[in-house]
C-alpha atoms as a PDB file:
ATOM      1  CA  MET A   1     154.621  70.710 -30.591  1.00  0.00           C
ATOM      2  CA  SER A   2     155.053  68.738 -27.362  1.00  0.00           C
ATOM      3  CA  PRO A   3     156.552  70.579 -24.410  1.00  0.00           C
ATOM      4  CA  ASP A   4     160.071  69.784 -23.247  1.00  0.00           C
ATOM      5  CA  LEU A   5     160.156  67.479 -20.211  1.00  0.00           C
ATOM      6  CA  ASP A   6     162.093  70.063 -18.178  1.00  0.00           C
ATOM      7  CA  SER A   7     159.415  72.695 -18.814  1.00  0.00           C
ATOM      8  CA  ILE A   8     156.591  70.565 -17.383  1.00  0.00           C
ATOM      9  CA  GLN A   9     158.263  69.262 -14.235  1.00  0.00           C
ATOM     10  CA  GLY A  10     155.688  71.048 -12.074  1.00  0.00           C
ATOM     11  CA  ARG A  11     152.919  68.763 -13.375  1.00  0.00           C
ATOM     12  CA  GLY A  12     152.437  65.530 -11.450  1.00  0.00           C
ATOM     13  CA  TYR A  13     152.435  63.193 -14.427  1.00  0.00           C
ATOM     14  CA  ALA A  14     155.700  64.570 -15.773  1.00  0.00           C
ATOM     15  CA  ARG A  15     157.527  63.807 -12.544  1.00  0.00           C
ATOM     16  CA  ARG A  16     156.108  60.275 -12.506  1.00  0.00           C
ATOM     17  CA  VAL A  17     157.006  59.736 -16.165  1.00  0.00           C
ATOM     18  CA  ALA A  18     160.515  61.049 -15.613  1.00  0.00           C
ATOM     19  CA  GLU A  19     161.056  58.785 -12.601  1.00  0.00           C
ATOM     20  CA  GLU A  20     159.696  55.671 -14.290  1.00  0.00           C
ATOM     21  CA  THR A  21     161.554  56.136 -17.563  1.00  0.00           C
ATOM     22  CA  SER A  22     164.882  54.393 -17.760  1.00  0.00           C
ATOM     23  CA  GLU A  23     167.966  56.370 -18.593  1.00  0.00           C
ATOM     24  CA  ASP A  24     168.174  54.205 -21.707  1.00  0.00           C
ATOM     25  CA  GLY A  25     165.010  55.815 -23.137  1.00  0.00           C
ATOM     26  CA  ASP A  26     166.327  59.321 -22.474  1.00  0.00           C
ATOM     27  CA  ALA A  27     169.733  58.454 -23.896  1.00  0.00           C
ATOM     28  CA  MET A  28     168.192  56.808 -26.960  1.00  0.00           C
ATOM     29  CA  LEU A  29     166.134  59.908 -27.770  1.00  0.00           C
ATOM     30  CA  ARG A  30     169.164  62.152 -27.302  1.00  0.00           C
ATOM     31  CA  ARG A  31     171.330  59.863 -29.448  1.00  0.00           C
ATOM     32  CA  HIS A  32     168.792  60.176 -32.267  1.00  0.00           C
ATOM     33  CA  GLY A  33     168.612  63.953 -31.868  1.00  0.00           C
ATOM     34  CA  MET A  34     165.050  64.010 -30.550  1.00  0.00           C
ATOM     35  CA  GLN A  35     163.542  66.212 -27.903  1.00  0.00           C
ATOM     36  CA  ILE A  36     162.657  64.325 -24.722  1.00  0.00           C
ATOM     37  CA  THR A  37     158.968  64.723 -23.883  1.00  0.00           C
ATOM     38  CA  ALA A  38     156.651  62.925 -21.494  1.00  0.00           C
ATOM     39  CA  GLN A  39     154.523  61.881 -24.456  1.00  0.00           C
ATOM     40  CA  ARG A  40     157.415  60.345 -26.367  1.00  0.00           C
ATOM     41  CA  LEU A  41     158.693  58.533 -23.292  1.00  0.00           C
ATOM     42  CA  ALA A  42     155.215  57.133 -22.626  1.00  0.00           C
ATOM     43  CA  VAL A  43     154.922  55.893 -26.225  1.00  0.00           C
ATOM     44  CA  LEU A  44     158.356  54.260 -25.995  1.00  0.00           C
ATOM     45  CA  ARG A  45     157.417  52.614 -22.725  1.00  0.00           C
ATOM     46  CA  ALA A  46     154.107  51.305 -24.118  1.00  0.00           C
ATOM     47  CA  VAL A  47     155.914  49.636 -27.019  1.00  0.00           C
ATOM     48  CA  SER A  48     158.777  48.313 -24.876  1.00  0.00           C
ATOM     49  CA  ASP A  49     156.444  46.906 -22.222  1.00  0.00           C
ATOM     50  CA  GLN A  50     154.462  44.878 -24.753  1.00  0.00           C
ATOM     51  CA  PRO A  51     155.922  44.575 -28.245  1.00  0.00           C
ATOM     52  CA  HIS A  52     153.684  44.116 -31.282  1.00  0.00           C
ATOM     53  CA  ARG A  53     150.933  46.450 -30.132  1.00  0.00           C
ATOM     54  CA  THR A  54     148.881  48.322 -32.696  1.00  0.00           C
ATOM     55  CA  ALA A  55     148.842  52.129 -32.789  1.00  0.00           C
ATOM     56  CA  ASP A  56     145.344  52.097 -31.258  1.00  0.00           C
ATOM     57  CA  ASP A  57     146.525  49.862 -28.398  1.00  0.00           C
ATOM     58  CA  ILE A  58     149.523  52.122 -27.805  1.00  0.00           C
ATOM     59  CA  ASP A  59     147.217  55.160 -27.814  1.00  0.00           C
ATOM     60  CA  LYS A  60     145.013  53.579 -25.115  1.00  0.00           C
ATOM     61  CA  VAL A  61     148.005  52.755 -22.900  1.00  0.00           C
ATOM     62  CA  VAL A  62     149.512  56.240 -23.261  1.00  0.00           C
ATOM     63  CA  ARG A  63     146.153  57.936 -22.575  1.00  0.00           C
ATOM     64  CA  ALA A  64     145.697  55.804 -19.452  1.00  0.00           C
ATOM     65  CA  GLU A  65     149.156  56.853 -18.263  1.00  0.00           C
ATOM     66  CA  LEU A  66     149.195  60.530 -19.174  1.00  0.00           C
ATOM     67  CA  GLY A  67     145.562  61.490 -19.449  1.00  0.00           C
ATOM     68  CA  ALA A  68     145.479  64.374 -21.892  1.00  0.00           C
ATOM     69  CA  ILE A  69     147.208  63.457 -25.142  1.00  0.00           C
ATOM     70  CA  SER A  70     145.796  63.519 -28.632  1.00  0.00           C
ATOM     71  CA  ARG A  71     145.653  60.422 -30.784  1.00  0.00           C
ATOM     72  CA  GLN A  72     147.542  62.405 -33.433  1.00  0.00           C
ATOM     73  CA  ALA A  73     150.427  63.040 -30.996  1.00  0.00           C
ATOM     74  CA  VAL A  74     150.755  59.286 -30.441  1.00  0.00           C
ATOM     75  CA  TYR A  75     150.682  58.604 -34.192  1.00  0.00           C
ATOM     76  CA  ASP A  76     153.227  61.384 -34.781  1.00  0.00           C
ATOM     77  CA  ALA A  77     155.567  59.927 -32.139  1.00  0.00           C
ATOM     78  CA  LEU A  78     155.274  56.459 -33.706  1.00  0.00           C
ATOM     79  CA  SER A  79     156.030  57.922 -37.124  1.00  0.00           C
ATOM     80  CA  VAL A  80     159.100  59.833 -35.893  1.00  0.00           C
ATOM     81  CA  PHE A  81     160.362  56.782 -33.987  1.00  0.00           C
ATOM     82  CA  THR A  82     160.073  54.525 -37.032  1.00  0.00           C
ATOM     83  CA  ASP A  83     161.667  57.135 -39.314  1.00  0.00           C
ATOM     84  CA  LYS A  84     164.618  57.482 -36.909  1.00  0.00           C
ATOM     85  CA  GLY A  85     164.975  53.709 -36.421  1.00  0.00           C
ATOM     86  CA  VAL A  86     164.020  53.754 -32.737  1.00  0.00           C
ATOM     87  CA  LEU A  87     160.984  51.523 -33.378  1.00  0.00           C
ATOM     88  CA  ARG A  88     160.185  48.999 -36.069  1.00  0.00           C
ATOM     89  CA  ARG A  89     156.807  48.986 -37.823  1.00  0.00           C
ATOM     90  CA  ILE A  90     155.488  45.609 -38.941  1.00  0.00           C
ATOM     91  CA  GLN A  91     152.399  45.292 -41.132  1.00  0.00           C
ATOM     92  CA  PRO A  92     151.312  41.681 -41.585  1.00  0.00           C
ATOM     93  CA  ALA A  93     148.890  41.009 -44.435  1.00  0.00           C
ATOM     94  CA  GLY A  94     145.318  41.761 -43.412  1.00  0.00           C
ATOM     95  CA  SER A  95     146.334  43.270 -40.058  1.00  0.00           C
ATOM     96  CA  PRO A  96     146.906  46.778 -38.735  1.00  0.00           C
ATOM     97  CA  ALA A  97     150.495  47.909 -38.304  1.00  0.00           C
ATOM     98  CA  ARG A  98     152.222  46.821 -35.121  1.00  0.00           C
ATOM     99  CA  TYR A  99     155.268  48.318 -33.423  1.00  0.00           C
ATOM    100  CA  GLU A 100     158.256  46.914 -31.571  1.00  0.00           C
ATOM    101  CA  SER A 101     161.440  48.246 -30.032  1.00  0.00           C
ATOM    102  CA  ARG A 102     163.606  45.335 -31.205  1.00  0.00           C
ATOM    103  CA  VAL A 103     165.522  46.996 -34.024  1.00  0.00           C
ATOM    104  CA  GLY A 104     168.949  46.555 -35.535  1.00  0.00           C
ATOM    105  CA  ASP A 105     168.715  42.829 -36.188  1.00  0.00           C
ATOM    106  CA  ASN A 106     167.060  40.793 -38.908  1.00  0.00           C
ATOM    107  CA  HIS A 107     164.550  38.827 -36.869  1.00  0.00           C
ATOM    108  CA  HIS A 108     161.215  37.541 -38.074  1.00  0.00           C
ATOM    109  CA  HIS A 109     157.759  36.898 -36.637  1.00  0.00           C
ATOM    110  CA  LEU A 110     155.339  34.068 -35.914  1.00  0.00           C
ATOM    111  CA  ILE A 111     151.640  35.004 -36.063  1.00  0.00           C
ATOM    112  CA  CYS A 112     148.786  32.867 -34.806  1.00  0.00           C
ATOM    113  CA  ARG A 113     145.951  32.686 -37.327  1.00  0.00           C
ATOM    114  CA  THR A 114     143.437  32.114 -34.535  1.00  0.00           C
ATOM    115  CA  CYS A 115     144.214  34.757 -31.879  1.00  0.00           C
ATOM    116  CA  ASN A 116     146.629  37.050 -33.845  1.00  0.00           C
ATOM    117  CA  ARG A 117     149.365  36.729 -31.205  1.00  0.00           C
ATOM    118  CA  MET A 118     152.745  37.733 -32.641  1.00  0.00           C
ATOM    119  CA  THR A 119     156.064  36.383 -31.415  1.00  0.00           C
ATOM    120  CA  ASP A 120     159.642  37.234 -32.388  1.00  0.00           C
ATOM    121  CA  VAL A 121     161.763  34.477 -33.903  1.00  0.00           C
ATOM    122  CA  ASP A 122     165.453  34.805 -34.644  1.00  0.00           C
ATOM    123  CA  CYS A 123     166.619  34.586 -38.225  1.00  0.00           C
ATOM    124  CA  ALA A 124     167.195  31.056 -39.506  1.00  0.00           C
ATOM    125  CA  VAL A 125     170.796  29.864 -39.564  1.00  0.00           C
ATOM    126  CA  GLY A 126     172.474  27.725 -42.188  1.00  0.00           C
ATOM    127  CA  TYR A 127     171.155  27.475 -45.731  1.00  0.00           C
ATOM    128  CA  THR A 128     168.139  29.769 -46.071  1.00  0.00           C
ATOM    129  CA  PRO A 129     167.023  29.976 -49.704  1.00  0.00           C
ATOM    130  CA  CYS A 130     164.042  32.231 -48.939  1.00  0.00           C
ATOM    131  CA  LEU A 131     166.365  34.953 -47.607  1.00  0.00           C
ATOM    132  CA  THR A 132     168.433  35.171 -50.782  1.00  0.00           C
ATOM    133  CA  ALA A 133     166.669  36.576 -53.825  1.00  0.00           C
ATOM    134  CA  ALA A 134     167.116  34.503 -56.981  1.00  0.00           C
ATOM    135  CA  ASP A 135     167.416  37.766 -58.934  1.00  0.00           C
ATOM    136  CA  ALA A 136     168.028  40.956 -56.974  1.00  0.00           C
ATOM    137  CA  SER A 137     167.237  43.048 -60.104  1.00  0.00           C
ATOM    138  CA  GLY A 138     169.991  45.484 -59.218  1.00  0.00           C
ATOM    139  CA  TYR A 139     168.722  46.063 -55.662  1.00  0.00           C
ATOM    140  CA  GLN A 140     171.138  46.128 -52.756  1.00  0.00           C
ATOM    141  CA  ILE A 141     169.161  43.934 -50.334  1.00  0.00           C
ATOM    142  CA  ASP A 142     169.709  44.686 -46.644  1.00  0.00           C
ATOM    143  CA  GLU A 143     166.747  42.961 -45.017  1.00  0.00           C
ATOM    144  CA  ALA A 144     164.255  40.158 -45.579  1.00  0.00           C
ATOM    145  CA  GLU A 145     160.832  40.325 -43.970  1.00  0.00           C
ATOM    146  CA  VAL A 146     159.642  36.816 -43.206  1.00  0.00           C
ATOM    147  CA  ILE A 147     156.387  36.120 -41.401  1.00  0.00           C
ATOM    148  CA  TYR A 148     155.485  32.611 -40.359  1.00  0.00           C
ATOM    149  CA  TRP A 149     151.749  31.934 -40.009  1.00  0.00           C
ATOM    150  CA  GLY A 150     150.215  29.141 -37.964  1.00  0.00           C
ATOM    151  CA  ARG A 151     148.590  28.561 -34.584  1.00  0.00           C
ATOM    152  CA  CYS A 152     150.123  29.315 -31.187  1.00  0.00           C
ATOM    153  CA  PRO A 153     150.439  26.534 -28.585  1.00  0.00           C
ATOM    154  CA  GLU A 154     147.418  27.792 -26.624  1.00  0.00           C
ATOM    155  CA  CYS A 155     145.149  27.780 -29.688  1.00  0.00           C
ATOM    156  CA  VAL A 156     146.401  24.332 -30.740  1.00  0.00           C
ATOM    157  CA  ALA A 157     145.692  23.008 -27.232  1.00  0.00           C
ATOM    158  CA  ALA A 158     142.237  24.593 -27.204  1.00  0.00           C
ATOM    159  CA  THR A 159     141.244  22.986 -30.504  1.00  0.00           C
ATOM    160  CA  SER A 160     142.742  19.591 -29.677  1.00  0.00           C
ATOM    161  CA  ALA A 161     140.636  19.544 -26.501  1.00  0.00           C
ATOM    162  CA  ARG A 162     137.508  19.909 -28.702  1.00  0.00           C
ATOM    163  CA  PRO A 163     137.972  17.519 -31.667  1.00  0.00           C
ATOM    164  CA  MET A 164     134.472  18.267 -33.042  1.00  0.00           C
ATOM    165  CA  ASP A 165     135.479  21.899 -33.628  1.00  0.00           C
ATOM    166  CA  ARG A 166     138.158  21.095 -36.214  1.00  0.00           C
ATOM    167  CA  ARG A 167     136.580  22.372 -39.401  1.00  0.00           C
ATOM    168  CA  PRO A 168     138.045  24.569 -42.106  1.00  0.00           C
ATOM    169  CA  ALA A 169     137.047  28.212 -41.940  1.00  0.00           C
ATOM    170  CA  GLY A 170     133.928  29.142 -43.877  1.00  0.00           C
ATOM    171  CA  TYR A 171     132.002  25.920 -43.304  1.00  0.00           C
ATOM    172  CA  GLY A 172     129.656  27.422 -40.728  1.00  0.00           C
ATOM    173  CA  PRO A 173     128.790  26.177 -37.281  1.00  0.00           C
ATOM    174  CA  ILE A 174     129.026  22.531 -36.360  1.00  0.00           C
ATOM    175  CA  ARG A 175     125.562  21.014 -36.122  1.00  0.00           C
ATOM    176  CA  SER A 176     124.468  19.311 -32.979  1.00  0.00           C
ATOM    177  CA  ARG A 177     125.348  15.634 -32.996  1.00  0.00           C
ATOM    178  CA  SER A 178     122.029  14.734 -31.368  1.00  0.00           C
ATOM    179  CA  ARG A 179     120.083  16.436 -34.190  1.00  0.00           C
ATOM    180  CA  ALA A 180     122.005  14.557 -36.866  1.00  0.00           C
ATOM    181  CA  THR A 181     121.687  11.306 -34.942  1.00  0.00           C
ATOM    182  CA  SER A 182     117.920  11.683 -34.464  1.00  0.00           C
ATOM    183  CA  HIS A 183     117.529  12.371 -38.192  1.00  0.00           C
ATOM    184  CA  GLN A 184     119.537   9.254 -39.009  1.00  0.00           C
ATOM    185  CA  GLN A 185     117.517   7.218 -36.500  1.00  0.00           C
ATOM    186  CA  GLN A 186     114.225   8.407 -38.032  1.00  0.00           C
ATOM    187  CA  ALA A 187     115.431   7.517 -41.541  1.00  0.00           C
ATOM    188  CA  ALA A 188     116.498   4.063 -40.312  1.00  0.00           C
ATOM    189  CA  ARG A 189     113.075   3.479 -38.662  1.00  0.00           C
ATOM    190  CA  GLU A 190     111.262   4.467 -41.846  1.00  0.00           C
ATOM    191  CA  GLU A 191     113.433   2.185 -43.912  1.00  0.00           C
ATOM    192  CA  HIS A 192     112.914  -0.670 -41.438  1.00  0.00           C
ATOM    193  CA  ASP A 193     109.165  -0.122 -41.365  1.00  0.00           C
ATOM    194  CA  GLY A 194     109.019  -0.065 -45.165  1.00  0.00           C
ATOM    195  CA  VAL A 195     107.747   3.516 -45.413  1.00  0.00           C
END
C-alpha cells in the first residue's frame, strides 16, 4: 500500500509533489474517500496535464517525476480512479486504453487515423439519431460512446502537400515516377522502331 503523503514529508519528492499539486486534486481524492499519496497525485497530474495518454505513457511521466514507483502502482491508481469516477477510461477499437480527467459529461472523441491524436468534442445538439437506441431492450441508457474517426488538420495538410502520396493503405510504396517514365519511354521507342 502507498504511504500517506503526511508520512513521507521528509522526502524531497513528496514536498515537491505536495507543493505542485492543486488543492483541487487533494479535495477530489478526499471527496471520493481516497487516501492522498504522492503516487496518486502524480498519476492525476499526468492525466490532467495531457489527456488521452495511455497507461504506459502515464507510467513514464510518473516515473520521471517520482523516480521509484512500480508500474503496478500506476495501473492500480488508474483502476481505482476509473472505478471511483475520478478518471474516464476510453478504449478505441484497435488501440490501447487511454485516460482523461474530463468526467461527468457526455462528450465524445475525434481520432486521427494517421497519427492517433485524440481530441474531445462536445456532444451533438439537436436531433441526434445515433444517440438514441432504436430498441433499448429494457436497458436504462445513461451514456453513448461515440468516436469519430478521420484525419487531423496536420495530417491532412501533410498529405495535401504531397499529392503523389495519396494512396489507400495496403497498396505498398509509391514507385518512382522516373522509373515508370523510363519504362514507358523504352516501350514507346521499341514500338516506334518496330521491335
